[in-house]
Amino acid sequence: MGHAKTAGYEVIAEYSDDGVKGADPVDQRPGFAAMMKHIAGNGVRTIIVETASRFARDLIVQETGWRFLHDAGITLIAADVPMPFSTRRRRLS
């Protein structure tokens, strides 16, 4: 929440998937599904996660989750590396 405030984002809600493994596909997580349902019509276009590894520990799961959000027009930011995943990918390429 600290990064969101510092970066000028308004936090609408917080979601978590306690007990879900980081290797589990993001689209099969109850908290993720609830978040997507909540933001479906409210204009939210940025999601901030605590760390990239909290979003997904498995690289393939992280990539498919990022692609899912990207295709939905949603920017994903990890608070510990506060730049969009897409920007980091371009820099690493």
C-alpha atoms as a PDB file:
ATOM      1  CA  MET A   1       0.000   0.000   0.000  1.00  0.00           C
ATOM      2  CA  GLY A   2       2.969   2.316   0.609  1.00  0.00           C
ATOM      3  CA  HIS A   3       4.067   2.208  -3.021  1.00  0.00           C
ATOM      4  CA  ALA A   4       0.562   2.962  -4.265  1.00  0.00           C
ATOM      5  CA  LYS A   5       0.302   6.055  -2.090  1.00  0.00           C
ATOM      6  CA  THR A   6       3.806   7.271  -2.978  1.00  0.00           C
ATOM      7  CA  ALA A   7       3.163   6.757  -6.692  1.00  0.00           C
ATOM      8  CA  GLY A   8      -0.157   8.606  -6.517  1.00  0.00           C
ATOM      9  CA  TYR A   9      -2.492   5.645  -6.972  1.00  0.00           C
ATOM     10  CA  GLU A  10      -5.817   5.447  -5.159  1.00  0.00           C
ATOM     11  CA  VAL A  11      -6.279   1.997  -3.633  1.00  0.00           C
ATOM     12  CA  ILE A  12      -9.794   0.797  -4.390  1.00  0.00           C
ATOM     13  CA  ALA A  13      -9.523  -2.606  -2.696  1.00  0.00           C
ATOM     14  CA  GLU A  14      -7.043  -5.228  -1.555  1.00  0.00           C
ATOM     15  CA  TYR A  15      -7.241  -8.912  -2.415  1.00  0.00           C
ATOM     16  CA  SER A  16      -5.253 -11.948  -1.360  1.00  0.00           C
ATOM     17  CA  ASP A  17      -5.182 -15.635  -2.023  1.00  0.00           C
ATOM     18  CA  ASP A  18      -4.117 -17.019   1.336  1.00  0.00           C
ATOM     19  CA  GLY A  19      -3.189 -20.671   1.154  1.00  0.00           C
ATOM     20  CA  VAL A  20      -2.879 -20.664  -2.634  1.00  0.00           C
ATOM     21  CA  LYS A  21       0.464 -21.768  -4.038  1.00  0.00           C
ATOM     22  CA  GLY A  22       2.467 -19.361  -6.183  1.00  0.00           C
ATOM     23  CA  ALA A  23       2.621 -22.051  -8.871  1.00  0.00           C
ATOM     24  CA  ASP A  24      -1.187 -22.208  -9.139  1.00  0.00           C
ATOM     25  CA  PRO A  25      -2.549 -20.468 -12.270  1.00  0.00           C
ATOM     26  CA  VAL A  26      -3.766 -16.979 -11.400  1.00  0.00           C
ATOM     27  CA  ASP A  27      -7.096 -17.426 -13.151  1.00  0.00           C
ATOM     28  CA  GLN A  28      -7.906 -20.305 -10.785  1.00  0.00           C
ATOM     29  CA  ARG A  29      -7.393 -18.308  -7.589  1.00  0.00           C
ATOM     30  CA  PRO A  30     -10.497 -17.129  -5.694  1.00  0.00           C
ATOM     31  CA  GLY A  31      -9.018 -13.747  -4.706  1.00  0.00           C
ATOM     32  CA  PHE A  32      -7.865 -13.056  -8.237  1.00  0.00           C
ATOM     33  CA  ALA A  33     -11.302 -13.967  -9.608  1.00  0.00           C
ATOM     34  CA  ALA A  34     -13.000 -11.681  -7.063  1.00  0.00           C
ATOM     35  CA  MET A  35     -10.639  -8.845  -7.999  1.00  0.00           C
ATOM     36  CA  MET A  36     -11.294  -9.287 -11.719  1.00  0.00           C
ATOM     37  CA  LYS A  37     -15.046  -9.325 -11.099  1.00  0.00           C
ATOM     38  CA  HIS A  38     -14.786  -6.138  -9.006  1.00  0.00           C
ATOM     39  CA  ILE A  39     -12.752  -4.216 -11.580  1.00  0.00           C
ATOM     40  CA  ALA A  40     -14.649  -5.482 -14.633  1.00  0.00           C
ATOM     41  CA  GLY A  41     -16.717  -2.331 -14.932  1.00  0.00           C
ATOM     42  CA  ASN A  42     -15.151   0.251 -12.658  1.00  0.00           C
ATOM     43  CA  GLY A  43     -12.336   1.549 -14.881  1.00  0.00           C
ATOM     44  CA  VAL A  44      -9.413   0.170 -12.877  1.00  0.00           C
ATOM     45  CA  ARG A  45      -6.493  -0.367 -15.236  1.00  0.00           C
ATOM     46  CA  THR A  46      -3.590  -0.907 -12.818  1.00  0.00           C
ATOM     47  CA  ILE A  47      -2.987  -3.706 -10.347  1.00  0.00           C
ATOM     48  CA  ILE A  48      -0.162  -3.457  -7.823  1.00  0.00           C
ATOM     49  CA  VAL A  49       1.194  -6.633  -6.250  1.00  0.00           C
ATOM     50  CA  GLU A  50       3.554  -6.788  -3.291  1.00  0.00           C
ATOM     51  CA  THR A  51       6.244  -8.599  -5.291  1.00  0.00           C
ATOM     52  CA  ALA A  52       6.372 -10.419  -8.613  1.00  0.00           C
ATOM     53  CA  SER A  53       6.901 -13.689  -6.734  1.00  0.00           C
ATOM     54  CA  ARG A  54       3.728 -13.066  -4.707  1.00  0.00           C
ATOM     55  CA  PHE A  55       1.830 -12.773  -7.994  1.00  0.00           C
ATOM     56  CA  ALA A  56       3.321 -16.068  -9.194  1.00  0.00           C
ATOM     57  CA  ARG A  57       6.403 -18.030  -8.214  1.00  0.00           C
ATOM     58  CA  ASP A  58       6.525 -20.073 -11.395  1.00  0.00           C
ATOM     59  CA  LEU A  59       7.793 -18.084 -14.398  1.00  0.00           C
ATOM     60  CA  ILE A  60       5.283 -19.659 -16.797  1.00  0.00           C
ATOM     61  CA  VAL A  61       2.400 -18.869 -14.423  1.00  0.00           C
ATOM     62  CA  GLN A  62       3.718 -15.320 -14.036  1.00  0.00           C
ATOM     63  CA  GLU A  63       3.970 -14.882 -17.809  1.00  0.00           C
ATOM     64  CA  THR A  64       0.510 -16.295 -18.556  1.00  0.00           C
ATOM     65  CA  GLY A  65      -1.004 -14.214 -15.731  1.00  0.00           C
ATOM     66  CA  TRP A  66       0.699 -11.085 -17.037  1.00  0.00           C
ATOM     67  CA  ARG A  67      -0.488 -11.859 -20.590  1.00  0.00           C
ATOM     68  CA  PHE A  68      -4.056 -12.375 -19.338  1.00  0.00           C
ATOM     69  CA  LEU A  69      -4.030  -8.967 -17.643  1.00  0.00           C
ATOM     70  CA  HIS A  70      -2.232  -7.277 -20.529  1.00  0.00           C
ATOM     71  CA  ASP A  71      -4.807  -8.584 -22.998  1.00  0.00           C
ATOM     72  CA  ALA A  72      -7.523  -7.159 -20.721  1.00  0.00           C
ATOM     73  CA  GLY A  73      -5.806  -3.748 -20.850  1.00  0.00           C
ATOM     74  CA  ILE A  74      -4.578  -3.938 -17.256  1.00  0.00           C
ATOM     75  CA  THR A  75      -1.080  -2.884 -16.170  1.00  0.00           C
ATOM     76  CA  LEU A  76       0.591  -5.048 -13.525  1.00  0.00           C
ATOM     77  CA  ILE A  77       3.152  -3.460 -11.209  1.00  0.00           C
ATOM     78  CA  ALA A  78       5.210  -5.168  -8.491  1.00  0.00           C
ATOM     79  CA  ALA A  79       5.692  -2.711  -5.607  1.00  0.00           C
ATOM     80  CA  ASP A  80       9.249  -3.911  -4.961  1.00  0.00           C
ATOM     81  CA  VAL A  81      10.227  -3.074  -8.575  1.00  0.00           C
ATOM     82  CA  PRO A  82       7.829  -0.206  -9.302  1.00  0.00           C
ATOM     83  CA  MET A  83       7.610  -0.296 -13.056  1.00  0.00           C
ATOM     84  CA  PRO A  84       5.095  -2.134 -15.194  1.00  0.00           C
ATOM     85  CA  PHE A  85       5.943  -5.749 -16.032  1.00  0.00           C
ATOM     86  CA  SER A  86       5.858  -4.814 -19.734  1.00  0.00           C
ATOM     87  CA  THR A  87       8.563  -2.163 -19.243  1.00  0.00           C
ATOM     88  CA  ARG A  88      10.766  -4.634 -17.395  1.00  0.00           C
ATOM     89  CA  ARG A  89      10.335  -7.167 -20.209  1.00  0.00           C
ATOM     90  CA  ARG A  90      11.457  -4.673 -22.833  1.00  0.00           C
ATOM     91  CA  ARG A  91      14.521  -3.804 -20.814  1.00  0.00           C
ATOM     92  CA  LEU A  92      15.458  -7.444 -20.314  1.00  0.00           C
ATOM     93  CA  SER A  93      15.049  -8.350 -23.981  1.00  0.00           C
END
